[in-house]
Amino acid sequence: QVHVVESGGGPVQAGASLRLSCTAPGFTSNRCAMFWYRRPAGQRREYVSSLSTGGLPSYADSVKGRFTISKDKATDTVYLQMDSLKPEDAGVYFCQTGGDGWCLRNDWGQGTQVTVSS
């Protein structure tokens, strides 16, 4: 049983918005950092955004100013609001916990596919 479940992807046109969700039961109580990655077709998984245990967001340069990461502690859900989408944002998006102990995991969810047409 994987510890994260991603959702919210889909096909959109360039310039549109999507909000991805990641449910990770336990990440709040275990004080995990949370990460979003993506894997473009035929490429390696790459870092997109993260939220530290203290709530500090970080972003890859390619998405800075367009994507926003946030969390809902009550539901152990992390969101990635993606605005002004570009074709190069397409790929499978994954979330992952990070940190120490329970937070440091090797298993990945199935991800959610984002397709952006020009």
C-alpha atoms as a PDB file:
ATOM      1  CA  GLN A   1       0.000   0.000   0.000  1.00  0.00           C
ATOM      2  CA  VAL A   2       1.546   3.252  -1.160  1.00  0.00           C
ATOM      3  CA  HIS A   3       1.520   6.178   1.198  1.00  0.00           C
ATOM      4  CA  VAL A   4       0.563   8.863  -1.320  1.00  0.00           C
ATOM      5  CA  VAL A   5      -2.239   9.178  -3.857  1.00  0.00           C
ATOM      6  CA  GLU A   6      -2.120  11.844  -6.543  1.00  0.00           C
ATOM      7  CA  SER A   7      -5.080  13.186  -8.516  1.00  0.00           C
ATOM      8  CA  GLY A   8      -6.291  16.148 -10.506  1.00  0.00           C
ATOM      9  CA  GLY A   9      -4.407  15.784 -13.743  1.00  0.00           C
ATOM     10  CA  GLY A  10      -5.959  15.883 -17.190  1.00  0.00           C
ATOM     11  CA  PRO A  11      -5.718  17.353 -20.679  1.00  0.00           C
ATOM     12  CA  VAL A  12      -5.739  21.136 -20.952  1.00  0.00           C
ATOM     13  CA  GLN A  13      -4.759  23.786 -23.447  1.00  0.00           C
ATOM     14  CA  ALA A  14      -1.784  26.055 -22.981  1.00  0.00           C
ATOM     15  CA  GLY A  15      -2.595  28.924 -20.638  1.00  0.00           C
ATOM     16  CA  ALA A  16      -5.112  26.935 -18.630  1.00  0.00           C
ATOM     17  CA  SER A  17      -4.916  25.977 -14.960  1.00  0.00           C
ATOM     18  CA  LEU A  18      -5.058  22.725 -13.034  1.00  0.00           C
ATOM     19  CA  ARG A  19      -4.938  21.907  -9.361  1.00  0.00           C
ATOM     20  CA  LEU A  20      -3.276  18.660  -8.391  1.00  0.00           C
ATOM     21  CA  SER A  21      -3.966  16.976  -5.081  1.00  0.00           C
ATOM     22  CA  CYS A  22      -1.859  14.577  -3.060  1.00  0.00           C
ATOM     23  CA  THR A  23      -3.336  12.721  -0.140  1.00  0.00           C
ATOM     24  CA  ALA A  24      -0.691  11.389   2.229  1.00  0.00           C
ATOM     25  CA  PRO A  25      -2.233  10.231   5.499  1.00  0.00           C
ATOM     26  CA  GLY A  26       0.194  10.824   8.313  1.00  0.00           C
ATOM     27  CA  PHE A  27       2.428  13.461   6.799  1.00  0.00           C
ATOM     28  CA  THR A  28       1.180  16.172   9.126  1.00  0.00           C
ATOM     29  CA  SER A  29       1.516  14.139  12.333  1.00  0.00           C
ATOM     30  CA  ASN A  30       4.944  12.900  11.234  1.00  0.00           C
ATOM     31  CA  ARG A  31       6.069  16.419  10.304  1.00  0.00           C
ATOM     32  CA  CYS A  32       7.139  15.536   6.778  1.00  0.00           C
ATOM     33  CA  ALA A  33       8.278  17.845   4.086  1.00  0.00           C
ATOM     34  CA  MET A  34       6.264  17.366   0.890  1.00  0.00           C
ATOM     35  CA  PHE A  35       7.539  17.319  -2.652  1.00  0.00           C
ATOM     36  CA  TRP A  36       6.087  17.427  -6.143  1.00  0.00           C
ATOM     37  CA  TYR A  37       8.023  15.918  -9.030  1.00  0.00           C
ATOM     38  CA  ARG A  38       7.150  15.330 -12.656  1.00  0.00           C
ATOM     39  CA  ARG A  39       8.350  12.991 -15.352  1.00  0.00           C
ATOM     40  CA  PRO A  40       7.999  14.320 -18.884  1.00  0.00           C
ATOM     41  CA  ALA A  41       7.570  11.669 -21.553  1.00  0.00           C
ATOM     42  CA  GLY A  42      10.857   9.913 -22.200  1.00  0.00           C
ATOM     43  CA  GLN A  43      12.697  11.869 -19.525  1.00  0.00           C
ATOM     44  CA  ARG A  44      13.728  11.410 -15.927  1.00  0.00           C
ATOM     45  CA  ARG A  45      11.694  12.505 -12.979  1.00  0.00           C
ATOM     46  CA  GLU A  46      12.458  16.109 -12.063  1.00  0.00           C
ATOM     47  CA  TYR A  47      11.817  18.325  -9.087  1.00  0.00           C
ATOM     48  CA  VAL A  48       8.917  20.766  -9.322  1.00  0.00           C
ATOM     49  CA  SER A  49       8.140  22.111  -5.874  1.00  0.00           C
ATOM     50  CA  SER A  50       8.366  21.407  -2.160  1.00  0.00           C
ATOM     51  CA  LEU A  51       7.001  22.513   1.164  1.00  0.00           C
ATOM     52  CA  SER A  52       9.267  22.311   4.180  1.00  0.00           C
ATOM     53  CA  THR A  53       8.112  21.118   7.557  1.00  0.00           C
ATOM     54  CA  GLY A  54       7.969  24.757   8.533  1.00  0.00           C
ATOM     55  CA  GLY A  55       5.710  25.610   5.626  1.00  0.00           C
ATOM     56  CA  LEU A  56       8.348  27.263   3.422  1.00  0.00           C
ATOM     57  CA  PRO A  57       7.644  26.706  -0.278  1.00  0.00           C
ATOM     58  CA  SER A  58      10.273  26.216  -2.940  1.00  0.00           C
ATOM     59  CA  TYR A  59       9.980  25.923  -6.713  1.00  0.00           C
ATOM     60  CA  ALA A  60      11.972  24.916  -9.713  1.00  0.00           C
ATOM     61  CA  ASP A  61      12.915  27.923 -11.815  1.00  0.00           C
ATOM     62  CA  SER A  62      10.803  26.636 -14.683  1.00  0.00           C
ATOM     63  CA  VAL A  63       7.579  26.915 -12.659  1.00  0.00           C
ATOM     64  CA  LYS A  64       8.334  29.814 -10.357  1.00  0.00           C
ATOM     65  CA  GLY A  65       5.594  32.430 -10.491  1.00  0.00           C
ATOM     66  CA  ARG A  66       3.109  30.027 -12.121  1.00  0.00           C
ATOM     67  CA  PHE A  67       2.768  27.157  -9.632  1.00  0.00           C
ATOM     68  CA  THR A  68       1.767  27.339  -5.973  1.00  0.00           C
ATOM     69  CA  ILE A  69       2.155  24.585  -3.418  1.00  0.00           C
ATOM     70  CA  SER A  70      -0.055  24.486  -0.339  1.00  0.00           C
ATOM     71  CA  LYS A  71      -1.347  22.042   2.230  1.00  0.00           C
ATOM     72  CA  ASP A  72      -4.425  21.248   4.261  1.00  0.00           C
ATOM     73  CA  LYS A  73      -3.340  19.795   7.581  1.00  0.00           C
ATOM     74  CA  ALA A  74      -6.865  18.718   8.472  1.00  0.00           C
ATOM     75  CA  THR A  75      -7.009  16.332   5.549  1.00  0.00           C
ATOM     76  CA  ASP A  76      -3.289  15.553   5.098  1.00  0.00           C
ATOM     77  CA  THR A  77      -3.544  16.854   1.547  1.00  0.00           C
ATOM     78  CA  VAL A  78      -0.999  18.804  -0.441  1.00  0.00           C
ATOM     79  CA  TYR A  79      -2.017  20.799  -3.492  1.00  0.00           C
ATOM     80  CA  LEU A  80      -0.159  22.077  -6.516  1.00  0.00           C
ATOM     81  CA  GLN A  81      -1.984  24.922  -8.206  1.00  0.00           C
ATOM     82  CA  MET A  82      -0.667  25.205 -11.745  1.00  0.00           C
ATOM     83  CA  ASP A  83      -1.490  28.335 -13.712  1.00  0.00           C
ATOM     84  CA  SER A  84      -0.467  29.502 -17.168  1.00  0.00           C
ATOM     85  CA  LEU A  85       0.379  25.962 -18.159  1.00  0.00           C
ATOM     86  CA  LYS A  86       2.806  25.406 -20.999  1.00  0.00           C
ATOM     87  CA  PRO A  87       3.301  22.352 -23.217  1.00  0.00           C
ATOM     88  CA  GLU A  88       6.614  21.741 -21.471  1.00  0.00           C
ATOM     89  CA  ASP A  89       4.734  21.275 -18.181  1.00  0.00           C
ATOM     90  CA  ALA A  90       3.236  18.048 -19.491  1.00  0.00           C
ATOM     91  CA  GLY A  91       4.123  14.798 -17.783  1.00  0.00           C
ATOM     92  CA  VAL A  92       3.216  12.506 -14.946  1.00  0.00           C
ATOM     93  CA  TYR A  93       3.209  14.342 -11.638  1.00  0.00           C
ATOM     94  CA  PHE A  94       4.158  12.595  -8.429  1.00  0.00           C
ATOM     95  CA  CYS A  95       4.189  13.670  -4.827  1.00  0.00           C
ATOM     96  CA  GLN A  96       6.489  12.333  -2.141  1.00  0.00           C
ATOM     97  CA  THR A  97       7.130  12.788   1.539  1.00  0.00           C
ATOM     98  CA  GLY A  98      10.564  13.786   2.749  1.00  0.00           C
ATOM     99  CA  GLY A  99      12.467  14.134   5.971  1.00  0.00           C
ATOM    100  CA  ASP A 100      13.408  11.650   8.640  1.00  0.00           C
ATOM    101  CA  GLY A 101      12.038   8.349   9.858  1.00  0.00           C
ATOM    102  CA  TRP A 102       8.520   7.635   8.593  1.00  0.00           C
ATOM    103  CA  CYS A 103       8.759  10.526   6.135  1.00  0.00           C
ATOM    104  CA  LEU A 104      11.692   9.080   4.214  1.00  0.00           C
ATOM    105  CA  ARG A 105      10.138   6.620   1.760  1.00  0.00           C
ATOM    106  CA  ASN A 106      11.133   4.688  -1.352  1.00  0.00           C
ATOM    107  CA  ASP A 107       7.660   3.862  -2.591  1.00  0.00           C
ATOM    108  CA  TRP A 108       5.912   6.102  -5.106  1.00  0.00           C
ATOM    109  CA  GLY A 109       2.303   6.561  -6.068  1.00  0.00           C
ATOM    110  CA  GLN A 110       1.016   6.103  -9.609  1.00  0.00           C
ATOM    111  CA  GLY A 111       1.109   9.809 -10.279  1.00  0.00           C
ATOM    112  CA  THR A 112      -1.352  11.877 -12.244  1.00  0.00           C
ATOM    113  CA  GLN A 113      -0.996  12.677 -15.935  1.00  0.00           C
ATOM    114  CA  VAL A 114      -0.967  16.276 -17.123  1.00  0.00           C
ATOM    115  CA  THR A 115      -1.260  16.921 -20.841  1.00  0.00           C
ATOM    116  CA  VAL A 116      -0.920  20.443 -22.231  1.00  0.00           C
ATOM    117  CA  SER A 117      -1.694  21.127 -25.867  1.00  0.00           C
ATOM    118  CA  SER A 118      -0.484  24.218 -27.682  1.00  0.00           C
END
